[in-house]
Protein backbone atom coordinates (compact mmCIF):
# COMPACT_ATOMS: atom_id res chain seq x y z
CA ALA A 1 30.62 3.93 10.13
CA ILE A 2 30.82 2.18 6.80
CA PRO A 3 33.95 3.33 4.94
CA PHE A 4 32.46 3.44 1.44
CA ALA A 5 28.98 4.59 2.37
CA GLU A 6 28.59 7.34 -0.24
CA VAL A 7 24.88 6.66 -0.26
CA ASP A 8 21.92 8.91 0.43
CA PRO A 9 20.65 7.72 3.84
CA ASN A 10 17.07 8.65 2.92
CA PRO A 11 16.60 8.40 -0.86
CA ARG A 12 13.39 9.61 -2.51
CA VAL A 13 11.53 7.93 -5.36
CA ARG A 14 9.63 10.17 -7.80
CA ILE A 15 6.18 8.81 -8.60
CA GLY A 16 4.41 10.31 -11.62
CA SER A 17 4.11 9.36 -15.29
CA SER A 18 4.36 11.81 -18.18
CA GLN A 19 0.59 12.42 -17.71
CA CYS A 20 0.90 13.37 -14.04
CA GLU A 21 0.99 17.10 -13.24
CA LYS A 22 1.88 16.77 -9.55
CA PRO A 23 4.46 13.99 -9.12
CA TYR A 24 5.28 12.92 -5.57
CA ASP A 25 8.71 12.18 -4.11
CA ALA A 26 8.14 9.18 -1.86
CA SER A 27 10.30 7.56 0.80
CA LEU A 28 11.67 4.06 0.27
CA PHE A 29 9.54 2.69 3.14
CA ASN A 30 6.00 3.75 4.02
CA ILE A 31 2.83 2.82 5.91
CA SER A 32 0.70 0.30 4.06
CA ALA A 33 -3.10 0.40 3.85
CA MET A 34 -4.89 0.11 7.21
CA SER A 35 -8.33 1.68 7.67
CA PHE A 36 -9.72 3.92 10.36
CA GLY A 37 -12.58 1.82 11.70
CA SER A 38 -10.61 -1.36 11.76
CA LEU A 39 -7.83 0.61 13.54
CA SER A 40 -8.57 2.97 16.43
CA LYS A 41 -8.35 6.74 16.06
CA ASN A 42 -5.31 6.75 18.41
CA ALA A 43 -3.54 4.25 16.14
CA ILE A 44 -4.28 6.34 13.02
CA ILE A 45 -3.15 9.56 14.75
CA ALA A 46 0.09 7.87 15.83
CA LEU A 47 0.74 6.53 12.31
CA ASN A 48 0.00 9.83 10.59
CA THR A 49 2.02 11.92 13.05
CA GLY A 50 4.86 9.40 12.72
CA ALA A 51 4.71 9.82 8.94
CA LYS A 52 4.89 13.60 9.38
CA HIS A 53 7.93 13.34 11.69
CA GLY A 54 9.74 10.92 9.40
CA GLY A 55 8.77 12.26 5.96
CA PHE A 56 7.08 9.15 4.56
CA PHE A 57 3.53 8.44 3.41
CA HIS A 58 0.54 6.93 5.18
CA ASN A 59 -1.94 4.88 3.12
CA THR A 60 -5.50 5.33 4.42
CA GLY A 61 -6.71 1.82 3.65
CA GLU A 62 -10.13 1.44 2.03
CA GLY A 63 -12.04 2.80 5.06
CA GLY A 64 -12.06 6.37 3.79
CA LEU A 65 -10.20 9.59 4.54
CA SER A 66 -10.72 10.48 8.20
CA ASP A 67 -9.82 13.60 10.19
CA TYR A 68 -7.07 11.53 11.83
CA HIS A 69 -5.34 10.99 8.49
CA LEU A 70 -4.95 14.75 8.21
CA MET A 71 -2.59 15.40 11.13
CA GLY A 72 0.16 16.62 8.80
CA GLY A 73 1.55 13.39 7.35
CA ASP A 74 1.54 12.73 3.58
CA VAL A 75 -1.49 10.62 2.66
CA VAL A 76 -2.21 8.11 -0.09
CA TRP A 77 -5.99 7.82 -0.31
CA ASN A 78 -6.98 4.23 -0.99
CA ILE A 79 -10.35 3.89 -2.74
CA GLY A 80 -11.89 0.44 -2.56
CA THR A 81 -15.09 -1.08 -3.87
CA GLY A 82 -17.18 0.57 -1.14
CA TYR A 83 -16.02 4.06 -2.30
CA PHE A 84 -15.88 5.21 1.33
CA SER A 85 -15.61 9.01 1.69
CA CYS A 86 -16.50 9.37 -2.03
CA ARG A 87 -19.85 7.58 -2.40
CA ASP A 88 -23.52 8.45 -2.82
CA GLU A 89 -26.36 7.00 -0.77
CA GLU A 90 -26.54 3.92 -3.02
CA GLY A 91 -22.85 3.21 -2.47
CA LYS A 92 -21.82 4.26 -5.99
CA PHE A 93 -18.82 6.50 -6.74
CA SER A 94 -19.51 10.22 -6.22
CA TYR A 95 -17.24 12.51 -8.25
CA ASP A 96 -18.14 15.62 -6.22
CA ALA A 97 -17.35 13.92 -2.89
CA PHE A 98 -14.08 12.67 -4.43
CA VAL A 99 -12.98 16.12 -5.66
CA LYS A 100 -13.69 17.69 -2.26
CA ARG A 101 -11.17 15.38 -0.54
CA ALA A 102 -8.72 14.54 -3.34
CA THR A 103 -7.71 18.18 -3.71
CA LEU A 104 -6.65 18.51 -0.03
CA ASP A 105 -2.95 19.35 0.32
CA ASN A 106 -2.14 16.36 2.53
CA VAL A 107 -3.49 13.90 -0.07
CA LYS A 108 -0.48 13.24 -2.31
CA MET A 109 -1.66 10.21 -4.33
CA ILE A 110 -4.82 8.17 -5.05
CA GLU A 111 -4.80 4.35 -5.05
CA ILE A 112 -7.63 2.30 -6.60
CA LYS A 113 -7.87 -0.91 -4.60
CA PHE A 114 -8.53 -4.06 -6.61
CA SER A 115 -7.48 -6.62 -4.03
CA GLN A 116 -5.30 -7.11 -0.98
CA GLY A 117 -2.97 -9.95 -0.09
CA ALA A 118 -4.84 -10.77 3.11
CA LYS A 119 -8.06 -11.67 1.30
CA PRO A 120 -7.94 -11.26 -2.49
CA GLY A 121 -11.35 -11.30 -4.17
CA HIS A 122 -13.12 -11.00 -0.82
CA GLY A 123 -14.84 -7.74 0.09
CA GLY A 124 -13.99 -6.20 3.44
CA ILE A 125 -16.40 -6.23 6.38
CA LEU A 126 -16.61 -3.75 9.25
CA PRO A 127 -18.87 -5.34 11.92
CA LYS A 128 -21.73 -3.11 13.11
CA GLU A 129 -20.26 -3.16 16.65
CA LYS A 130 -17.32 -1.10 15.35
CA VAL A 131 -19.45 1.41 13.38
CA THR A 132 -19.63 4.58 15.48
CA ASP A 133 -21.38 7.84 14.49
CA GLU A 134 -17.98 9.21 13.54
CA ILE A 135 -17.09 6.27 11.28
CA ALA A 136 -20.51 6.50 9.60
CA ARG A 137 -19.88 10.23 8.93
CA ILE A 138 -16.38 9.67 7.54
CA ARG A 139 -17.32 6.71 5.34
CA LEU A 140 -20.63 8.29 4.23
CA VAL A 141 -22.60 5.24 5.39
CA SER A 142 -25.52 4.61 7.77
CA LYS A 143 -25.21 2.97 11.19
CA GLY A 144 -26.74 -0.17 12.66
CA HIS A 145 -25.53 -2.83 10.22
CA ASP A 146 -22.29 -4.43 9.04
CA ILE A 147 -20.47 -2.30 6.45
CA ILE A 148 -19.70 -4.55 3.50
CA SER A 149 -17.27 -3.71 0.69
CA PRO A 150 -18.46 -5.59 -2.40
CA PRO A 151 -15.90 -7.96 -4.00
CA SER A 152 -15.87 -5.92 -7.26
CA HIS A 153 -15.98 -2.28 -8.41
CA SER A 154 -19.14 -0.64 -9.79
CA ALA A 155 -17.43 2.46 -11.29
CA PHE A 156 -15.88 0.33 -14.06
CA THR A 157 -16.02 -3.29 -15.25
CA THR A 158 -13.41 -3.67 -18.02
CA PRO A 159 -9.74 -2.63 -18.35
CA LEU A 160 -10.72 0.05 -20.89
CA GLU A 161 -13.33 1.46 -18.49
CA LEU A 162 -10.64 1.42 -15.77
CA MET A 163 -8.54 3.73 -17.95
CA ASP A 164 -11.49 6.16 -18.20
CA PHE A 165 -11.79 6.01 -14.40
CA VAL A 166 -8.05 6.75 -14.02
CA LYS A 167 -8.46 9.83 -16.26
CA LEU A 168 -11.47 10.94 -14.19
CA LEU A 169 -9.55 10.63 -10.90
CA ARG A 170 -6.53 12.43 -12.37
CA LYS A 171 -8.75 15.32 -13.44
CA GLY A 172 -10.67 15.40 -10.12
CA SER A 173 -7.49 15.37 -8.01
CA GLY A 174 -5.85 18.16 -10.00
CA GLY A 175 -3.24 15.92 -11.63
CA LYS A 176 -1.99 13.88 -8.66
CA PRO A 177 -0.50 10.39 -9.19
CA ILE A 178 -3.16 7.69 -9.66
CA GLY A 179 -2.32 4.05 -9.03
CA MET A 180 -3.85 0.69 -8.30
CA LYS A 181 -3.31 -1.94 -5.62
CA ILE A 182 -3.52 -5.57 -6.66
CA CYS A 183 -2.75 -9.03 -5.37
CA ILE A 184 -1.98 -11.00 -8.53
CA GLY A 185 -4.18 -14.00 -9.28
CA ASN A 186 -4.74 -14.83 -12.93
CA LYS A 187 -1.83 -13.37 -14.90
CA SER A 188 -3.93 -12.72 -18.00
CA GLU A 189 -6.08 -10.21 -16.09
CA PHE A 190 -3.07 -8.05 -15.27
CA LEU A 191 -1.79 -8.35 -18.85
CA SER A 192 -5.17 -7.09 -20.10
CA ILE A 193 -4.72 -3.95 -17.93
CA CYS A 194 -1.27 -3.44 -19.51
CA LYS A 195 -2.83 -3.81 -22.97
CA ALA A 196 -5.51 -1.25 -22.08
CA MET A 197 -2.80 1.24 -21.00
CA VAL A 198 -0.98 0.77 -24.33
CA GLU A 199 -4.18 0.95 -26.38
CA THR A 200 -5.58 4.10 -24.71
CA LYS A 201 -2.16 5.67 -24.04
CA THR A 202 -3.37 6.27 -20.47
CA TYR A 203 -0.84 5.36 -17.79
CA LEU A 204 -1.18 4.52 -14.15
CA ASP A 205 1.51 6.34 -12.15
CA PHE A 206 2.14 3.45 -9.77
CA ILE A 207 1.07 -0.12 -9.11
CA THR A 208 1.07 -1.48 -5.57
CA VAL A 209 1.75 -5.21 -5.64
CA ASP A 210 0.47 -6.98 -2.54
CA GLY A 211 1.86 -10.44 -1.87
CA GLY A 212 -0.47 -13.31 -1.01
CA GLU A 213 1.29 -13.47 2.36
CA GLY A 214 -0.21 -10.13 3.43
CA GLY A 215 -2.31 -10.53 6.54
CA THR A 216 -4.89 -9.25 8.96
CA GLY A 217 -6.50 -10.84 11.99
CA ALA A 218 -9.84 -10.02 10.34
CA ALA A 219 -9.43 -12.15 7.18
CA PRO A 220 -10.77 -15.68 6.65
CA GLN A 221 -7.84 -18.03 7.38
CA GLU A 222 -8.11 -19.91 4.07
CA TYR A 223 -7.81 -16.63 2.15
CA SER A 224 -4.76 -15.47 4.10
CA ASP A 225 -3.06 -18.83 3.66
CA HIS A 226 -3.87 -19.89 0.12
CA VAL A 227 -5.21 -17.13 -2.15
CA GLY A 228 -2.99 -14.78 -4.18
CA MET A 229 0.46 -15.05 -5.70
CA PRO A 230 3.41 -14.80 -3.26
CA LEU A 231 5.17 -11.43 -3.32
CA ARG A 232 8.43 -12.59 -4.95
CA ASP A 233 6.75 -14.17 -7.95
CA ALA A 234 4.18 -11.37 -8.25
CA LEU A 235 6.86 -8.64 -8.24
CA ALA A 236 8.96 -10.37 -10.89
CA PHE A 237 5.86 -10.93 -13.04
CA VAL A 238 4.55 -7.34 -12.76
CA TYR A 239 7.99 -5.87 -13.48
CA ASP A 240 8.51 -8.14 -16.51
CA ALA A 241 4.99 -7.42 -17.81
CA LEU A 242 5.44 -3.63 -17.56
CA ASN A 243 8.86 -3.95 -19.18
CA GLY A 244 7.50 -6.14 -21.96
CA PHE A 245 4.77 -3.62 -22.77
CA ASP A 246 7.34 -0.78 -22.57
CA LEU A 247 5.45 0.83 -19.68
CA LYS A 248 7.95 0.56 -16.82
CA ASP A 249 9.47 4.01 -17.50
CA GLN A 250 6.07 5.55 -16.69
CA ILE A 251 5.08 3.42 -13.71
CA LYS A 252 6.63 2.88 -10.28
CA ILE A 253 6.08 -0.40 -8.45
CA ILE A 254 5.29 -0.25 -4.72
CA CYS A 255 5.25 -3.57 -2.89
CA SER A 256 3.89 -4.90 0.37
CA GLY A 257 3.64 -8.31 1.99
CA LYS A 258 5.66 -9.09 5.12
CA VAL A 259 8.21 -6.35 4.36
CA ILE A 260 9.64 -5.62 7.82
CA THR A 261 13.46 -5.35 7.70
CA GLY A 262 16.09 -3.52 5.64
CA PHE A 263 16.92 -6.78 3.86
CA ASP A 264 13.23 -7.30 2.99
CA ILE A 265 13.37 -3.93 1.21
CA ILE A 266 16.48 -4.93 -0.76
CA ARG A 267 14.99 -8.29 -1.72
CA SER A 268 11.89 -6.48 -3.02
CA LEU A 269 13.95 -3.91 -4.94
CA SER A 270 15.98 -6.69 -6.54
CA LEU A 271 12.82 -8.26 -7.98
CA GLY A 272 11.54 -5.01 -9.48
CA ALA A 273 9.98 -2.85 -6.73
CA ASP A 274 10.86 0.86 -6.56
CA LEU A 275 9.70 1.32 -2.96
CA CYS A 276 7.97 -0.66 -0.19
CA ASN A 277 5.03 -0.41 2.18
CA SER A 278 4.63 -2.17 5.50
CA ALA A 279 1.52 -2.74 7.61
CA ARG A 280 2.80 -5.49 9.90
CA GLY A 281 6.05 -3.68 10.83
CA MET A 282 4.21 -0.41 11.52
CA MET A 283 1.68 -2.33 13.65
CA PHE A 284 4.54 -3.78 15.70
CA ALA A 285 5.86 -0.23 16.19
CA LEU A 286 2.39 0.72 17.51
CA GLY A 287 2.46 -2.15 20.01
CA CYS A 288 0.50 -4.87 18.15
CA ILE A 289 1.03 -8.28 19.80
CA GLN A 290 -0.85 -10.25 17.09
CA ALA A 291 -3.70 -11.19 19.42
CA LEU A 292 -5.80 -11.77 16.26
CA GLU A 293 -8.85 -10.10 17.78
CA CYS A 294 -9.00 -7.37 15.11
CA HIS A 295 -12.59 -8.24 14.14
CA ALA A 296 -13.90 -8.58 17.71
CA ASN A 297 -13.37 -5.00 18.96
CA THR A 298 -11.40 -6.44 21.91
CA CYS A 299 -7.81 -5.68 20.83
CA PRO A 300 -5.87 -5.61 24.13
CA THR A 301 -3.29 -3.09 22.89
CA GLY A 302 -5.81 -0.50 21.64
CA VAL A 303 -4.66 -0.78 18.02
CA ALA A 304 -7.65 -2.47 16.36
CA THR A 305 -10.61 -1.47 18.51
CA GLN A 306 -13.16 1.32 18.83
CA ASP A 307 -13.59 0.69 22.59
CA PRO A 308 -12.44 3.90 24.37
CA ALA A 309 -11.30 1.97 27.45
CA LEU A 310 -8.94 -0.19 25.39
CA MET A 311 -7.93 2.62 23.04
CA LYS A 312 -6.60 4.89 25.77
CA GLY A 313 -3.71 2.47 26.37
CA LEU A 314 -2.26 3.58 23.02
CA VAL A 315 -0.77 7.05 23.50
CA PRO A 316 -0.26 8.68 20.06
CA GLU A 317 2.47 11.07 21.29
CA GLU A 318 4.65 8.10 22.30
CA LYS A 319 3.80 5.67 19.53
CA SER A 320 4.23 8.22 16.71
CA ILE A 321 7.89 8.58 17.70
CA ARG A 322 8.30 4.79 17.63
CA VAL A 323 6.73 4.60 14.17
CA ALA A 324 9.08 7.33 12.87
CA ARG A 325 12.13 5.70 14.48
CA TYR A 326 11.26 2.25 13.18
CA GLN A 327 10.88 3.59 9.63
CA HIS A 328 14.11 5.59 9.86
CA GLU A 329 16.19 2.70 11.19
CA THR A 330 14.76 0.26 8.64
CA VAL A 331 15.64 2.54 5.71
CA LYS A 332 19.08 3.12 7.27
CA SER A 333 19.59 -0.64 7.54
CA ALA A 334 18.67 -1.10 3.85
CA MET A 335 21.05 1.67 2.77
CA ASP A 336 23.88 0.26 4.95
CA LEU A 337 23.42 -3.14 3.31
CA MET A 338 23.53 -1.50 -0.12
CA ALA A 339 26.68 0.42 0.77
CA SER A 340 28.33 -2.79 1.96
CA ALA A 341 27.56 -4.35 -1.41
CA GLY A 342 29.02 -1.33 -3.23
CA ILE A 343 25.61 -0.14 -4.44
CA LYS A 344 25.10 3.63 -4.39
CA HIS A 345 21.38 3.94 -5.15
CA PRO A 346 18.23 1.78 -4.81
CA ASP A 347 17.77 1.98 -8.61
CA ASP A 348 21.00 -0.05 -8.97
CA VAL A 349 19.64 -3.06 -7.05
CA ASP A 350 18.87 -5.71 -9.65
CA ARG A 351 18.24 -9.46 -9.70
CA THR A 352 21.93 -10.34 -9.56
CA VAL A 353 22.27 -8.78 -6.08
CA VAL A 354 20.32 -11.31 -4.00
CA SER A 355 20.99 -15.05 -3.81
CA THR A 356 18.83 -17.70 -2.20
CA ARG A 357 19.17 -21.41 -1.50
CA VAL A 358 16.98 -23.46 -3.83
CA ASP A 359 17.93 -26.92 -2.51
CA ARG A 360 20.55 -28.54 -0.28
CA THR A 361 23.39 -28.15 -2.74
CA LYS A 362 22.40 -25.19 -4.89
CA VAL A 363 22.32 -21.41 -4.40
CA GLN A 364 20.99 -19.17 -7.17
CA THR A 365 20.56 -15.44 -7.72
CA PHE A 366 17.11 -14.05 -8.44
CA TYR A 367 18.41 -13.39 -11.96
CA GLU A 368 18.83 -17.14 -12.44
CA ILE A 369 15.48 -18.00 -10.85
CA TYR A 370 13.49 -15.22 -12.57
CA PRO A 371 15.36 -14.53 -15.85
CA GLU A 372 14.37 -11.10 -17.18
CA LEU A 373 12.47 -10.94 -20.43
CA ASP A 374 14.11 -9.44 -23.49
CA LYS A 375 12.05 -6.56 -24.86
């Protein structure tokens, strides 16, 4: 036992701006976006049931809202450029299909996906071999061909149109938190979104910052390795930008990108995140061995395949407990580290808390490396 551990072992973070009617109290550590279709139904069931056991949220990924996301765990519905589960026959956004699902009790927040760290600016592909009747039904697509997510959105094209889309989703979901997921590339593009929020007085409730180091076995290697700003720099930039535009009080920052341990959470909080998501860590809890066969439908552990023979090796009843335990112990580790540093609450973790070696003779805090902007 830590003698001065007067900390909440499982703190909650309230997500919801002044324009949000149904704010959501999120855990510090949650399941990042991974789609049904790329993951097996057993993997999704295990993740969602784990989220229910442990009281954290499960991001659907851009592959739509499946029956397996509705096993009782809190869900963040990720809507990508393919508008899966909320599209018409042409692949355009369908408001009616959106309202039908966004108003479900399990759906706590909506996330508009701009880009992901694994392959920023590259639309997703679900090979036709993985498209079953069930996946076609859930995604509202037809079978027999590769399912392509276009690189860009068709529901809006400018930052001001994005704000109209945010208002539309807020109305259609009954006032739930609306956010966006982005892997930062050109800084000016993000700043133009901040300007649009100020100009229209329409606020996102959260921004998920995905680091360029995010990964998947199904991404082109060059994209995984070289495209997108690394998480540290992206977090510091997004936090400073929101602060500079006087928007940070309205918006929570969620981060993902190789966040696996309690210390990873603290490092992210110190740079400006309010809470973290993990895909990689949750995959390890499911039994992923990084075989990198995610796109081939031959995943040996049953995590990223639609082959029933391979899938049956992943037993949701067992793996859901592992997912819940992994999340619980990781949050506990982060809170223990905070207690040891005399910090009572995640909100008190700032850039002075974490130091890193910058060369052989010099150690600096994040405050020295990323000096905060004066308002």
